[in-house]
Amino acid sequence: MIGAGLGRTSRVAAAKIALKSAGKKAQGAVLVSDGFFPFADSIELAAKAGVGCVVAPGGSKRDMEVVAAANKFKLPLVFAPYRHFLH
C-alpha cells in the first residue's frame, strides 16, 4: 500500500488523501475502494494522478456515469463482486 484514505464518509476525500499520500508513486498504481463510487469525481482524481487502474464494487445509482468517466480518461475500471466492509 502506498497511500490510504481510510475512514472517510466522502469517497472523494478518501481518494484525495490516498493520492496525496502516494504522491508520484500513484502513477501506474491500482486504486482500490471497498465502497462504490457514487460520483465520477474520484475517477477524475485518479486519472489526473496517473493511476493505472481502479477497482471498486459496483452498486451506485450512478455507475454508468462512473463508467463513462473511466472511459473518457481511458482508465480501466473493474467492478469487484464483493465488499469486505458492510454497514
Protein backbone atom coordinates (compact mmCIF):
# COMPACT_ATOMS: atom_id res chain seq x y z
CA MET A 1 0.00 0.00 0.00
CA ILE A 2 1.42 3.36 -0.98
CA GLY A 3 -1.46 5.60 0.08
CA ALA A 4 -4.57 5.21 2.23
CA GLY A 5 -7.65 7.33 2.75
CA LEU A 6 -9.41 5.19 5.34
CA GLY A 7 -12.38 6.05 7.50
CA ARG A 8 -13.89 8.83 5.40
CA THR A 9 -17.57 9.08 4.59
CA SER A 10 -16.68 11.00 1.44
CA ARG A 11 -15.16 8.83 -1.29
CA VAL A 12 -13.59 11.86 -2.97
CA ALA A 13 -11.98 12.99 0.31
CA ALA A 14 -10.59 9.47 0.83
CA ALA A 15 -9.24 9.42 -2.73
CA LYS A 16 -7.60 12.83 -2.28
CA ILE A 17 -5.88 11.71 0.93
CA ALA A 18 -4.74 8.40 -0.55
CA LEU A 19 -3.41 10.02 -3.72
CA LYS A 20 -1.64 12.74 -1.76
CA SER A 21 -0.05 10.08 0.48
CA ALA A 22 1.06 8.07 -2.54
CA GLY A 23 2.49 11.09 -4.33
CA LYS A 24 4.34 10.20 -7.53
CA LYS A 25 4.07 6.50 -6.66
CA ALA A 26 0.38 6.74 -7.63
CA GLN A 27 1.40 6.80 -11.29
CA GLY A 28 0.58 3.39 -12.71
CA ALA A 29 -0.72 2.10 -9.36
CA VAL A 30 -4.08 0.47 -8.70
CA LEU A 31 -6.61 2.48 -6.69
CA VAL A 32 -8.89 0.13 -4.72
CA SER A 33 -12.02 1.08 -2.81
CA ASP A 34 -14.20 -1.10 -0.61
CA GLY A 35 -17.09 1.29 -1.26
CA PHE A 36 -18.63 2.08 -4.62
CA PHE A 37 -18.04 5.44 -6.23
CA PRO A 38 -21.35 7.33 -6.22
CA PHE A 39 -19.91 10.10 -8.42
CA ALA A 40 -17.29 10.31 -11.17
CA ASP A 41 -15.12 12.83 -9.27
CA SER A 42 -12.89 10.17 -7.69
CA ILE A 43 -12.28 8.64 -11.11
CA GLU A 44 -11.22 12.04 -12.43
CA LEU A 45 -8.80 12.49 -9.49
CA ALA A 46 -7.32 9.04 -10.08
CA ALA A 47 -6.85 9.74 -13.79
CA LYS A 48 -5.16 13.09 -13.12
CA ALA A 49 -2.81 11.38 -10.64
CA GLY A 50 -1.82 8.85 -13.31
CA VAL A 51 -3.40 5.83 -11.61
CA GLY A 52 -3.27 2.79 -13.91
CA CYS A 53 -6.49 1.02 -12.84
CA VAL A 54 -9.40 1.42 -10.42
CA VAL A 55 -11.12 -1.46 -8.60
CA ALA A 56 -14.33 -0.89 -6.64
CA PRO A 57 -17.64 -2.61 -6.07
CA GLY A 58 -20.49 -1.55 -8.28
CA GLY A 59 -23.92 -0.75 -6.98
CA SER A 60 -24.29 3.02 -7.17
CA LYS A 61 -27.27 4.52 -8.95
CA ARG A 62 -24.70 6.44 -10.97
CA ASP A 63 -22.49 3.51 -12.01
CA MET A 64 -22.96 4.43 -15.67
CA GLU A 65 -21.62 7.97 -15.03
CA VAL A 66 -18.58 6.47 -13.29
CA VAL A 67 -18.02 4.06 -16.19
CA ALA A 68 -18.37 6.93 -18.67
CA ALA A 69 -15.73 8.94 -16.77
CA ALA A 70 -13.36 5.97 -16.70
CA ASN A 71 -13.86 5.52 -20.45
CA LYS A 72 -13.29 9.24 -21.05
CA PHE A 73 -9.91 9.04 -19.28
CA LYS A 74 -9.11 5.60 -20.75
CA LEU A 75 -8.76 4.36 -17.18
CA PRO A 76 -9.55 0.66 -16.65
CA LEU A 77 -12.33 0.22 -14.09
CA VAL A 78 -13.05 -3.18 -12.57
CA PHE A 79 -16.20 -3.75 -10.56
CA ALA A 80 -15.41 -6.18 -7.74
CA PRO A 81 -18.22 -8.61 -6.93
CA TYR A 82 -17.80 -8.45 -3.14
CA ARG A 83 -17.34 -5.90 -0.38
CA HIS A 84 -15.34 -6.68 2.75
CA PHE A 85 -16.86 -3.92 4.88
CA LEU A 86 -20.60 -3.80 5.35
CA HIS A 87 -22.67 -1.32 7.35
